């Protein structure tokens, strides 16, 4: 009878690893079989047989716990180069030179883009995610005329690198914190009015680098196993680096295979930074926004 009971328990023990539901069913089965086995016997059950049944039950629970731990600790990786088609609106100020307004659309930017690189990296498991977002652009464009400025040229080098850690509160919400390094290098040449029929040429060059702490939230939505959608927001700066900075990104896409996915979305990032005075003054008050196209590779 003991051999028959053990044969009935073994298939459930194997299926227990596949899901928590089957795991609970197996435990109930073990208890039921053990109870039936004990109650139906005419002779008292020996201590050795009781210990043997308990050992089988504990072995099943331990196997399930080990399987859950492996699933939680398994790390997956995403490498995602992407393109952003940005609009830029704001102003840049160098020293005592009048602030230069910037109002550029994607056509203007790509016409004047000398170099660009954008790359997103992520490592995640069932609870944690570590993200890295790198962006570099070098632009050169003409300065728009204003009531003060007649003409000019501006060259900007923009480097941004964001590193963050996220914790999963539930399947669709993650919260975390990180840092965003910003490095802006600007060269400006302007001709501006200093009197009736009188222009003055000025130029300046400066590079500033700062780090903003950021607070991050990310919402992930899965309509099916193939379609994916994310909404990510962050705020930062708080006067430590920039006066204030905030960002919002929305992306939706399709996972074509275990390896490859593609998404399209929209990104808006606003940075307000101002430090120094007189000849050392640097102002970067800029909003960059536009559609994005991402190509992801999962490992």
C-alpha atoms as a PDB file:
ATOM      1  CA  UNK A   1       0.000   0.000   0.000  1.00  0.00           C
ATOM      2  CA  UNK A   2       2.909   2.350   0.752  1.00  0.00           C
ATOM      3  CA  UNK A   3       4.334   1.728  -2.720  1.00  0.00           C
ATOM      4  CA  UNK A   4       0.934   2.499  -4.300  1.00  0.00           C
ATOM      5  CA  UNK A   5       0.655   5.757  -2.316  1.00  0.00           C
ATOM      6  CA  UNK A   6       4.129   6.888  -3.377  1.00  0.00           C
ATOM      7  CA  UNK A   7       3.372   6.168  -7.035  1.00  0.00           C
ATOM      8  CA  UNK A   8       0.323   8.413  -6.769  1.00  0.00           C
ATOM      9  CA  UNK A   9       2.369  11.225  -5.158  1.00  0.00           C
ATOM     10  CA  UNK A  10       5.282  11.257  -7.599  1.00  0.00           C
ATOM     11  CA  UNK A  11       3.524  12.771 -10.716  1.00  0.00           C
ATOM     12  CA  UNK A  12       2.147  15.681  -8.673  1.00  0.00           C
ATOM     13  CA  UNK A  13       5.586  16.288  -7.223  1.00  0.00           C
ATOM     14  CA  UNK A  14       6.984  16.699 -10.720  1.00  0.00           C
ATOM     15  CA  UNK A  15       4.192  19.027 -11.848  1.00  0.00           C
ATOM     16  CA  UNK A  16       4.540  21.176  -8.713  1.00  0.00           C
ATOM     17  CA  UNK A  17       7.534  23.058 -10.146  1.00  0.00           C
ATOM     18  CA  UNK A  18       5.479  24.416 -13.053  1.00  0.00           C
ATOM     19  CA  UNK A  19       3.145  26.641 -11.047  1.00  0.00           C
ATOM     20  CA  UNK A  20       2.147  27.749  -7.587  1.00  0.00           C
ATOM     21  CA  UNK A  21      -1.348  26.284  -8.093  1.00  0.00           C
ATOM     22  CA  UNK A  22      -0.027  22.819  -8.843  1.00  0.00           C
ATOM     23  CA  UNK A  23       2.306  23.196  -5.881  1.00  0.00           C
ATOM     24  CA  UNK A  24      -0.641  23.722  -3.519  1.00  0.00           C
ATOM     25  CA  UNK A  25      -2.534  20.814  -5.081  1.00  0.00           C
ATOM     26  CA  UNK A  26       0.472  18.555  -4.523  1.00  0.00           C
ATOM     27  CA  UNK A  27       0.705  19.458  -0.841  1.00  0.00           C
ATOM     28  CA  UNK A  28      -3.004  18.728  -0.411  1.00  0.00           C
ATOM     29  CA  UNK A  29      -2.550  15.426  -2.227  1.00  0.00           C
ATOM     30  CA  UNK A  30       0.334  14.472   0.033  1.00  0.00           C
ATOM     31  CA  UNK A  31      -1.718  15.203   3.139  1.00  0.00           C
ATOM     32  CA  UNK A  32      -4.744  13.342   1.770  1.00  0.00           C
ATOM     33  CA  UNK A  33      -2.726  10.260   0.840  1.00  0.00           C
ATOM     34  CA  UNK A  34      -0.875  10.288   4.132  1.00  0.00           C
ATOM     35  CA  UNK A  35      -4.129  10.644   6.083  1.00  0.00           C
ATOM     36  CA  UNK A  36      -5.846   7.861   4.151  1.00  0.00           C
ATOM     37  CA  UNK A  37      -2.823   5.669   4.483  1.00  0.00           C
ATOM     38  CA  UNK A  38      -2.703   6.133   8.230  1.00  0.00           C
ATOM     39  CA  UNK A  39      -6.427   5.807   8.912  1.00  0.00           C
ATOM     40  CA  UNK A  40      -7.097   2.720   6.760  1.00  0.00           C
ATOM     41  CA  UNK A  41      -4.362   0.602   8.246  1.00  0.00           C
ATOM     42  CA  UNK A  42      -5.389  -2.052  10.800  1.00  0.00           C
ATOM     43  CA  UNK A  43      -1.987  -1.911  12.431  1.00  0.00           C
ATOM     44  CA  UNK A  44      -0.372   1.291  13.781  1.00  0.00           C
ATOM     45  CA  UNK A  45       1.890   2.987  11.278  1.00  0.00           C
ATOM     46  CA  UNK A  46       5.559   2.828  12.125  1.00  0.00           C
ATOM     47  CA  UNK A  47       7.625   5.953  12.913  1.00  0.00           C
ATOM     48  CA  UNK A  48       9.973   5.237   9.977  1.00  0.00           C
ATOM     49  CA  UNK A  49       7.094   5.411   7.495  1.00  0.00           C
ATOM     50  CA  UNK A  50       5.803   8.677   9.001  1.00  0.00           C
ATOM     51  CA  UNK A  51       9.272  10.201   8.728  1.00  0.00           C
ATOM     52  CA  UNK A  52       9.553   9.008   5.135  1.00  0.00           C
ATOM     53  CA  UNK A  53       6.231  10.660   4.117  1.00  0.00           C
ATOM     54  CA  UNK A  54       7.185  13.924   5.842  1.00  0.00           C
ATOM     55  CA  UNK A  55      10.577  13.902   4.098  1.00  0.00           C
ATOM     56  CA  UNK A  56       8.879  13.611   0.710  1.00  0.00           C
ATOM     57  CA  UNK A  57       6.573  16.550   1.521  1.00  0.00           C
ATOM     58  CA  UNK A  58       9.473  18.751   2.686  1.00  0.00           C
ATOM     59  CA  UNK A  59      11.442  17.828  -0.427  1.00  0.00           C
ATOM     60  CA  UNK A  60       8.550  19.024  -2.604  1.00  0.00           C
ATOM     61  CA  UNK A  61       8.291  22.365  -0.769  1.00  0.00           C
ATOM     62  CA  UNK A  62      12.046  22.908  -0.943  1.00  0.00           C
ATOM     63  CA  UNK A  63      12.100  22.241  -4.712  1.00  0.00           C
ATOM     64  CA  UNK A  64       9.345  24.809  -5.252  1.00  0.00           C
ATOM     65  CA  UNK A  65      11.164  27.407  -3.119  1.00  0.00           C
ATOM     66  CA  UNK A  66      14.402  26.882  -5.053  1.00  0.00           C
ATOM     67  CA  UNK A  67      12.562  27.248  -8.372  1.00  0.00           C
ATOM     68  CA  UNK A  68      10.961  30.542  -7.255  1.00  0.00           C
ATOM     69  CA  UNK A  69      14.313  31.889  -6.094  1.00  0.00           C
ATOM     70  CA  UNK A  70      15.909  31.082  -9.454  1.00  0.00           C
ATOM     71  CA  UNK A  71      13.109  32.870 -11.310  1.00  0.00           C
ATOM     72  CA  UNK A  72      13.432  35.995  -9.121  1.00  0.00           C
ATOM     73  CA  UNK A  73      17.210  36.135  -9.454  1.00  0.00           C
ATOM     74  CA  UNK A  74      17.407  35.562 -13.214  1.00  0.00           C
ATOM     75  CA  UNK A  75      18.691  38.690 -14.995  1.00  0.00           C
ATOM     76  CA  UNK A  76      17.719  39.676 -18.529  1.00  0.00           C
ATOM     77  CA  UNK A  77      19.420  42.355 -20.612  1.00  0.00           C
ATOM     78  CA  UNK A  78      18.249  44.892 -23.202  1.00  0.00           C
ATOM     79  CA  UNK A  79      20.464  46.788 -25.652  1.00  0.00           C
ATOM     80  CA  UNK A  80      18.508  49.504 -27.436  1.00  0.00           C
ATOM     81  CA  UNK A  81      20.019  52.014 -29.890  1.00  0.00           C
ATOM     82  CA  UNK A  82      17.502  54.685 -30.803  1.00  0.00           C
ATOM     83  CA  UNK A  83      16.865  57.836 -32.794  1.00  0.00           C
ATOM     84  CA  UNK A  84      15.227  61.011 -31.557  1.00  0.00           C
ATOM     85  CA  UNK A  85      13.848  63.655 -33.904  1.00  0.00           C
ATOM     86  CA  UNK A  86      14.062  66.634 -31.545  1.00  0.00           C
ATOM     87  CA  UNK A  87      12.625  70.080 -31.477  1.00  0.00           C
ATOM     88  CA  UNK A  88      14.568  72.484 -29.280  1.00  0.00           C
ATOM     89  CA  UNK A  89      13.138  75.593 -27.704  1.00  0.00           C
ATOM     90  CA  UNK A  90      14.811  77.844 -25.142  1.00  0.00           C
ATOM     91  CA  UNK A  91      17.834  80.059 -24.725  1.00  0.00           C
ATOM     92  CA  UNK A  92      21.566  79.899 -24.061  1.00  0.00           C
ATOM     93  CA  UNK A  93      23.570  82.601 -22.293  1.00  0.00           C
ATOM     94  CA  UNK A  94      27.363  83.023 -22.150  1.00  0.00           C
ATOM     95  CA  UNK A  95      29.010  85.626 -19.948  1.00  0.00           C
ATOM     96  CA  UNK A  96      27.921  89.169 -20.755  1.00  0.00           C
ATOM     97  CA  UNK A  97      26.827  88.285 -24.301  1.00  0.00           C
ATOM     98  CA  UNK A  98      23.051  88.740 -24.779  1.00  0.00           C
ATOM     99  CA  UNK A  99      21.114  85.487 -24.348  1.00  0.00           C
ATOM    100  CA  UNK A 100      20.728  83.626 -27.632  1.00  0.00           C
ATOM    101  CA  UNK A 101      17.242  82.237 -28.370  1.00  0.00           C
ATOM    102  CA  UNK A 102      17.001  78.728 -29.784  1.00  0.00           C
ATOM    103  CA  UNK A 103      13.987  77.519 -31.751  1.00  0.00           C
ATOM    104  CA  UNK A 104      14.809  74.543 -33.969  1.00  0.00           C
ATOM    105  CA  UNK A 105      12.729  71.757 -35.479  1.00  0.00           C
ATOM    106  CA  UNK A 106      13.959  68.278 -36.493  1.00  0.00           C
ATOM    107  CA  UNK A 107      14.714  69.460 -40.040  1.00  0.00           C
ATOM    108  CA  UNK A 108      16.888  72.296 -38.736  1.00  0.00           C
ATOM    109  CA  UNK A 109      18.672  70.030 -36.282  1.00  0.00           C
ATOM    110  CA  UNK A 110      19.451  67.218 -38.721  1.00  0.00           C
ATOM    111  CA  UNK A 111      20.604  69.720 -41.314  1.00  0.00           C
ATOM    112  CA  UNK A 112      23.083  71.070 -38.787  1.00  0.00           C
ATOM    113  CA  UNK A 113      23.846  67.819 -36.971  1.00  0.00           C
ATOM    114  CA  UNK A 114      27.554  67.069 -37.155  1.00  0.00           C
ATOM    115  CA  UNK A 115      27.514  63.966 -34.934  1.00  0.00           C
ATOM    116  CA  UNK A 116      25.002  62.054 -32.842  1.00  0.00           C
ATOM    117  CA  UNK A 117      24.779  58.854 -30.773  1.00  0.00           C
ATOM    118  CA  UNK A 118      21.968  57.483 -28.583  1.00  0.00           C
ATOM    119  CA  UNK A 119      21.989  54.200 -26.651  1.00  0.00           C
ATOM    120  CA  UNK A 120      19.788  52.729 -23.919  1.00  0.00           C
ATOM    121  CA  UNK A 121      20.847  49.731 -21.773  1.00  0.00           C
ATOM    122  CA  UNK A 122      18.894  47.821 -19.150  1.00  0.00           C
ATOM    123  CA  UNK A 123      19.414  44.840 -16.851  1.00  0.00           C
ATOM    124  CA  UNK A 124      16.393  43.543 -14.924  1.00  0.00           C
ATOM    125  CA  UNK A 125      14.932  40.632 -13.004  1.00  0.00           C
ATOM    126  CA  UNK A 126      11.520  40.124 -11.405  1.00  0.00           C
ATOM    127  CA  UNK A 127      12.097  42.856  -8.802  1.00  0.00           C
ATOM    128  CA  UNK A 128      14.951  45.157  -9.834  1.00  0.00           C
ATOM    129  CA  UNK A 129      16.033  47.075 -12.923  1.00  0.00           C
ATOM    130  CA  UNK A 130      19.235  49.001 -13.633  1.00  0.00           C
ATOM    131  CA  UNK A 131      19.013  51.442 -16.564  1.00  0.00           C
ATOM    132  CA  UNK A 132      21.502  53.527 -18.518  1.00  0.00           C
ATOM    133  CA  UNK A 133      20.610  56.139 -21.148  1.00  0.00           C
ATOM    134  CA  UNK A 134      23.348  57.883 -23.165  1.00  0.00           C
ATOM    135  CA  UNK A 135      22.863  60.737 -25.629  1.00  0.00           C
ATOM    136  CA  UNK A 136      25.417  62.819 -27.526  1.00  0.00           C
ATOM    137  CA  UNK A 137      24.780  65.504 -30.151  1.00  0.00           C
ATOM    138  CA  UNK A 138      26.948  68.128 -31.795  1.00  0.00           C
ATOM    139  CA  UNK A 139      25.039  70.895 -33.551  1.00  0.00           C
ATOM    140  CA  UNK A 140      25.947  74.016 -35.445  1.00  0.00           C
ATOM    141  CA  UNK A 141      23.390  76.549 -36.626  1.00  0.00           C
ATOM    142  CA  UNK A 142      22.751  80.188 -37.381  1.00  0.00           C
ATOM    143  CA  UNK A 143      21.362  82.442 -34.669  1.00  0.00           C
ATOM    144  CA  UNK A 144      17.945  83.919 -35.357  1.00  0.00           C
ATOM    145  CA  UNK A 145      17.740  87.702 -35.484  1.00  0.00           C
ATOM    146  CA  UNK A 146      15.995  89.530 -32.630  1.00  0.00           C
ATOM    147  CA  UNK A 147      15.482  93.140 -31.585  1.00  0.00           C
ATOM    148  CA  UNK A 148      19.026  93.096 -30.177  1.00  0.00           C
ATOM    149  CA  UNK A 149      20.868  90.467 -32.236  1.00  0.00           C
ATOM    150  CA  UNK A 150      21.341  90.949 -35.960  1.00  0.00           C
ATOM    151  CA  UNK A 151      23.038  87.673 -36.806  1.00  0.00           C
ATOM    152  CA  UNK A 152      25.350  85.029 -35.445  1.00  0.00           C
ATOM    153  CA  UNK A 153      26.351  81.385 -35.239  1.00  0.00           C
ATOM    154  CA  UNK A 154      26.192  78.911 -32.385  1.00  0.00           C
ATOM    155  CA  UNK A 155      27.825  75.513 -31.910  1.00  0.00           C
ATOM    156  CA  UNK A 156      26.610  73.215 -29.149  1.00  0.00           C
ATOM    157  CA  UNK A 157      27.898  69.894 -27.862  1.00  0.00           C
ATOM    158  CA  UNK A 158      25.415  68.113 -25.640  1.00  0.00           C
ATOM    159  CA  UNK A 159      26.224  64.976 -23.638  1.00  0.00           C
ATOM    160  CA  UNK A 160      23.727  63.368 -21.298  1.00  0.00           C
ATOM    161  CA  UNK A 161      24.171  60.131 -19.372  1.00  0.00           C
ATOM    162  CA  UNK A 162      21.510  58.863 -17.050  1.00  0.00           C
ATOM    163  CA  UNK A 163      21.941  55.976 -14.586  1.00  0.00           C
ATOM    164  CA  UNK A 164      19.026  54.770 -12.433  1.00  0.00           C
ATOM    165  CA  UNK A 165      17.876  51.871 -10.284  1.00  0.00           C
ATOM    166  CA  UNK A 166      14.204  50.832 -10.149  1.00  0.00           C
ATOM    167  CA  UNK A 167      12.237  48.586  -7.784  1.00  0.00           C
ATOM    168  CA  UNK A 168       9.058  46.840  -8.928  1.00  0.00           C
ATOM    169  CA  UNK A 169       6.135  47.637  -6.613  1.00  0.00           C
ATOM    170  CA  UNK A 170       3.692  45.560  -8.672  1.00  0.00           C
ATOM    171  CA  UNK A 171       3.646  44.134 -12.223  1.00  0.00           C
ATOM    172  CA  UNK A 172       2.950  47.548 -13.807  1.00  0.00           C
ATOM    173  CA  UNK A 173       4.662  50.079 -11.486  1.00  0.00           C
ATOM    174  CA  UNK A 174       8.355  50.663 -10.729  1.00  0.00           C
ATOM    175  CA  UNK A 175       9.888  53.466  -8.677  1.00  0.00           C
ATOM    176  CA  UNK A 176      13.505  54.421  -8.162  1.00  0.00           C
ATOM    177  CA  UNK A 177      16.213  57.046  -8.151  1.00  0.00           C
ATOM    178  CA  UNK A 178      19.325  57.883 -10.108  1.00  0.00           C
ATOM    179  CA  UNK A 179      21.547  60.582 -11.503  1.00  0.00           C
ATOM    180  CA  UNK A 180      21.754  62.413 -14.797  1.00  0.00           C
ATOM    181  CA  UNK A 181      25.079  63.845 -15.943  1.00  0.00           C
ATOM    182  CA  UNK A 182      24.807  66.766 -18.347  1.00  0.00           C
ATOM    183  CA  UNK A 183      27.688  68.387 -20.166  1.00  0.00           C
ATOM    184  CA  UNK A 184      26.980  71.343 -22.455  1.00  0.00           C
ATOM    185  CA  UNK A 185      29.657  73.044 -24.513  1.00  0.00           C
ATOM    186  CA  UNK A 186      28.722  76.212 -26.401  1.00  0.00           C
ATOM    187  CA  UNK A 187      30.526  78.480 -28.842  1.00  0.00           C
ATOM    188  CA  UNK A 188      28.655  81.649 -29.783  1.00  0.00           C
ATOM    189  CA  UNK A 189      29.429  84.397 -32.263  1.00  0.00           C
ATOM    190  CA  UNK A 190      26.922  87.250 -32.506  1.00  0.00           C
ATOM    191  CA  UNK A 191      26.573  90.673 -34.071  1.00  0.00           C
ATOM    192  CA  UNK A 192      24.273  92.799 -31.964  1.00  0.00           C
ATOM    193  CA  UNK A 193      23.084  96.367 -31.962  1.00  0.00           C
ATOM    194  CA  UNK A 194      24.821  98.823 -29.630  1.00  0.00           C
ATOM    195  CA  UNK A 195      23.405 102.004 -31.131  1.00  0.00           C
ATOM    196  CA  UNK A 196      21.828 103.562 -34.216  1.00  0.00           C
ATOM    197  CA  UNK A 197      23.439 102.017 -37.291  1.00  0.00           C
ATOM    198  CA  UNK A 198      26.101 100.494 -35.086  1.00  0.00           C
ATOM    199  CA  UNK A 199      26.801  96.775 -34.590  1.00  0.00           C
ATOM    200  CA  UNK A 200      29.248  95.055 -32.259  1.00  0.00           C
ATOM    201  CA  UNK A 201      30.683  91.571 -32.779  1.00  0.00           C
ATOM    202  CA  UNK A 202      31.174  89.367 -29.718  1.00  0.00           C
ATOM    203  CA  UNK A 203      32.108  85.743 -29.236  1.00  0.00           C
ATOM    204  CA  UNK A 204      32.421  83.386 -26.341  1.00  0.00           C
ATOM    205  CA  UNK A 205      33.042  79.752 -25.521  1.00  0.00           C
ATOM    206  CA  UNK A 206      32.290  77.767 -22.380  1.00  0.00           C
ATOM    207  CA  UNK A 207      31.659  74.188 -21.236  1.00  0.00           C
ATOM    208  CA  UNK A 208      29.750  73.259 -18.106  1.00  0.00           C
ATOM    209  CA  UNK A 209      29.212  69.821 -16.576  1.00  0.00           C
ATOM    210  CA  UNK A 210      26.845  69.025 -13.730  1.00  0.00           C
ATOM    211  CA  UNK A 211      24.978  66.116 -12.136  1.00  0.00           C
ATOM    212  CA  UNK A 212      21.288  66.123 -11.247  1.00  0.00           C
ATOM    213  CA  UNK A 213      19.711  63.686  -8.792  1.00  0.00           C
ATOM    214  CA  UNK A 214      16.463  62.303 -10.216  1.00  0.00           C
ATOM    215  CA  UNK A 215      13.393  60.484  -8.918  1.00  0.00           C
ATOM    216  CA  UNK A 216      11.943  58.020 -11.425  1.00  0.00           C
ATOM    217  CA  UNK A 217       8.626  56.257 -11.944  1.00  0.00           C
ATOM    218  CA  UNK A 218       7.884  53.797 -14.741  1.00  0.00           C
ATOM    219  CA  UNK A 219       4.567  52.263 -15.777  1.00  0.00           C
ATOM    220  CA  UNK A 220       4.608  49.151 -17.976  1.00  0.00           C
ATOM    221  CA  UNK A 221       1.542  47.810 -19.777  1.00  0.00           C
ATOM    222  CA  UNK A 222       1.314  44.451 -21.581  1.00  0.00           C
ATOM    223  CA  UNK A 223      -1.737  44.051 -23.791  1.00  0.00           C
ATOM    224  CA  UNK A 224      -0.493  40.656 -24.988  1.00  0.00           C
ATOM    225  CA  UNK A 225       2.753  38.760 -24.746  1.00  0.00           C
ATOM    226  CA  UNK A 226       3.939  40.575 -27.889  1.00  0.00           C
ATOM    227  CA  UNK A 227       2.705  44.156 -27.530  1.00  0.00           C
ATOM    228  CA  UNK A 228       4.452  46.394 -24.993  1.00  0.00           C
ATOM    229  CA  UNK A 229       3.887  49.951 -23.754  1.00  0.00           C
ATOM    230  CA  UNK A 230       5.733  52.096 -21.223  1.00  0.00           C
ATOM    231  CA  UNK A 231       5.345  55.501 -19.615  1.00  0.00           C
ATOM    232  CA  UNK A 232       8.376  56.873 -17.767  1.00  0.00           C
ATOM    233  CA  UNK A 233       8.653  60.129 -15.837  1.00  0.00           C
ATOM    234  CA  UNK A 234      11.324  61.751 -13.715  1.00  0.00           C
ATOM    235  CA  UNK A 235      12.020  64.999 -11.891  1.00  0.00           C
ATOM    236  CA  UNK A 236      15.371  66.226 -10.612  1.00  0.00           C
ATOM    237  CA  UNK A 237      17.929  68.955 -10.160  1.00  0.00           C
ATOM    238  CA  UNK A 238      16.418  70.586  -7.084  1.00  0.00           C
ATOM    239  CA  UNK A 239      19.145  73.264  -7.149  1.00  0.00           C
ATOM    240  CA  UNK A 240      21.912  70.691  -6.634  1.00  0.00           C
ATOM    241  CA  UNK A 241      22.861  70.699 -10.308  1.00  0.00           C
ATOM    242  CA  UNK A 242      20.276  72.443 -12.409  1.00  0.00           C
ATOM    243  CA  UNK A 243      17.547  74.597 -10.893  1.00  0.00           C
ATOM    244  CA  UNK A 244      14.990  72.051 -12.023  1.00  0.00           C
ATOM    245  CA  UNK A 245      14.744  69.304 -14.628  1.00  0.00           C
ATOM    246  CA  UNK A 246      11.916  67.020 -15.656  1.00  0.00           C
ATOM    247  CA  UNK A 247      11.254  64.430 -18.309  1.00  0.00           C
ATOM    248  CA  UNK A 248       8.464  62.266 -19.693  1.00  0.00           C
ATOM    249  CA  UNK A 249       8.748  59.390 -22.184  1.00  0.00           C
ATOM    250  CA  UNK A 250       5.965  57.303 -23.708  1.00  0.00           C
ATOM    251  CA  UNK A 251       6.740  54.278 -25.905  1.00  0.00           C
ATOM    252  CA  UNK A 252       4.726  51.494 -27.521  1.00  0.00           C
ATOM    253  CA  UNK A 253       5.959  48.654 -29.656  1.00  0.00           C
ATOM    254  CA  UNK A 254       6.007  45.025 -30.644  1.00  0.00           C
ATOM    255  CA  UNK A 255       8.301  42.175 -29.654  1.00  0.00           C
ATOM    256  CA  UNK A 256       8.901  40.228 -32.840  1.00  0.00           C
ATOM    257  CA  UNK A 257      10.899  37.450 -31.173  1.00  0.00           C
ATOM    258  CA  UNK A 258      12.748  36.637 -27.968  1.00  0.00           C
ATOM    259  CA  UNK A 259      15.669  38.619 -29.371  1.00  0.00           C
ATOM    260  CA  UNK A 260      14.231  41.625 -31.213  1.00  0.00           C
ATOM    261  CA  UNK A 261      11.700  44.347 -30.455  1.00  0.00           C
ATOM    262  CA  UNK A 262      10.910  47.765 -31.941  1.00  0.00           C
ATOM    263  CA  UNK A 263       9.088  50.717 -30.410  1.00  0.00           C
ATOM    264  CA  UNK A 264       8.044  54.232 -31.326  1.00  0.00           C
ATOM    265  CA  UNK A 265       7.314  56.980 -28.855  1.00  0.00           C
ATOM    266  CA  UNK A 266       7.651  60.568 -27.758  1.00  0.00           C
ATOM    267  CA  UNK A 267      10.127  62.189 -25.366  1.00  0.00           C
ATOM    268  CA  UNK A 268      10.124  65.582 -23.655  1.00  0.00           C
ATOM    269  CA  UNK A 269      12.986  66.749 -21.447  1.00  0.00           C
ATOM    270  CA  UNK A 270      13.298  70.206 -19.908  1.00  0.00           C
ATOM    271  CA  UNK A 271      16.440  71.513 -18.155  1.00  0.00           C
ATOM    272  CA  UNK A 272      16.896  74.885 -16.489  1.00  0.00           C
ATOM    273  CA  UNK A 273      20.514  75.475 -15.470  1.00  0.00           C
ATOM    274  CA  UNK A 274      22.223  78.761 -14.599  1.00  0.00           C
ATOM    275  CA  UNK A 275      25.502  79.252 -12.751  1.00  0.00           C
ATOM    276  CA  UNK A 276      28.192  81.914 -12.444  1.00  0.00           C
ATOM    277  CA  UNK A 277      28.138  85.648 -13.033  1.00  0.00           C
ATOM    278  CA  UNK A 278      29.643  88.246 -15.346  1.00  0.00           C
ATOM    279  CA  UNK A 279      32.124  86.643 -17.764  1.00  0.00           C
ATOM    280  CA  UNK A 280      31.714  83.236 -16.090  1.00  0.00           C
ATOM    281  CA  UNK A 281      27.915  83.150 -16.387  1.00  0.00           C
ATOM    282  CA  UNK A 282      26.350  80.200 -18.165  1.00  0.00           C
ATOM    283  CA  UNK A 283      22.646  79.779 -18.853  1.00  0.00           C
ATOM    284  CA  UNK A 284      21.044  76.699 -20.409  1.00  0.00           C
ATOM    285  CA  UNK A 285      17.259  76.858 -20.292  1.00  0.00           C
ATOM    286  CA  UNK A 286      16.143  74.381 -22.908  1.00  0.00           C
ATOM    287  CA  UNK A 287      13.301  72.023 -23.761  1.00  0.00           C
ATOM    288  CA  UNK A 288      14.048  69.151 -26.155  1.00  0.00           C
ATOM    289  CA  UNK A 289      11.081  67.147 -27.417  1.00  0.00           C
ATOM    290  CA  UNK A 290      10.100  64.922 -30.291  1.00  0.00           C
ATOM    291  CA  UNK A 291       9.326  61.414 -31.553  1.00  0.00           C
ATOM    292  CA  UNK A 292      11.674  58.477 -30.980  1.00  0.00           C
ATOM    293  CA  UNK A 293      12.296  55.181 -32.777  1.00  0.00           C
ATOM    294  CA  UNK A 294      13.956  52.368 -30.809  1.00  0.00           C
ATOM    295  CA  UNK A 295      15.400  48.997 -31.836  1.00  0.00           C
ATOM    296  CA  UNK A 296      15.846  46.602 -28.923  1.00  0.00           C
ATOM    297  CA  UNK A 297      17.844  43.396 -28.582  1.00  0.00           C
ATOM    298  CA  UNK A 298      17.028  41.116 -25.621  1.00  0.00           C
ATOM    299  CA  UNK A 299      19.395  38.608 -24.044  1.00  0.00           C
END
